[in-house]
Amino acid sequence: MEENVDLPIDIDQKLTAQKVRDFFKYNFEHYLIRAGYHRTDLSSPQLDPTGIMSHSGNSAEAKMATIFEAQDKCQAVYHAIDQCADSSKQPFRTILKSLYIDELSDWQVAAKVQYSDSRYGDLKRYALCQFADTIDTWKLIYNVKIPELKVFKNRCNIGAESGKGRT
């Protein structure tokens, strides 16, 4: 198995990819529910690329910080996906959007990016690892708490096995 040279050398790609898969399965799902979003809301034009989105509703609703925080977390995730590389050789954004926003299956995404199953598996792992790297920027921009997704080699990673805890 080859390593992706664009990622930090001390990242355990296999464990990081698993942690990101768990994040999308558990945490991201929770954020969507809390935010009152559906996945299609994230791919629609209502998400302003500046990161500013109007929170419609009356003034009482405007003060519901937990909903707004969940919305900001969803936006951070969406922008982190959108920041990932997307070329014919590194279709990371296409893979992530197809899997976690459009909810396509692996075989559908492999066909979409036109790679064999084995090569697609490598590309998916790289995409998940690149997401783990880019989400750090968007956590800061949106000032939200999202769990650390990178698993480092030769370091003690408390909770690295499950990665299922919500933040």
Foldseek 3Di string as FASTA:
>chain_A
DDDDPVFPPFFPLVLLLVLLVLCLVAALVVLCVLLVHALVVLVDPQCDPVRDHDDDDDPVVVPPVSNVLSVLLNSLLSVLLVPDDPDLQQNLSLLCCVCRRVNDDLVVSCVVSVHDPVVSVVSPSVSSSSSLVSSVVSCVVSVHDDDRSTDGPPDDDVPSVNSNDYD
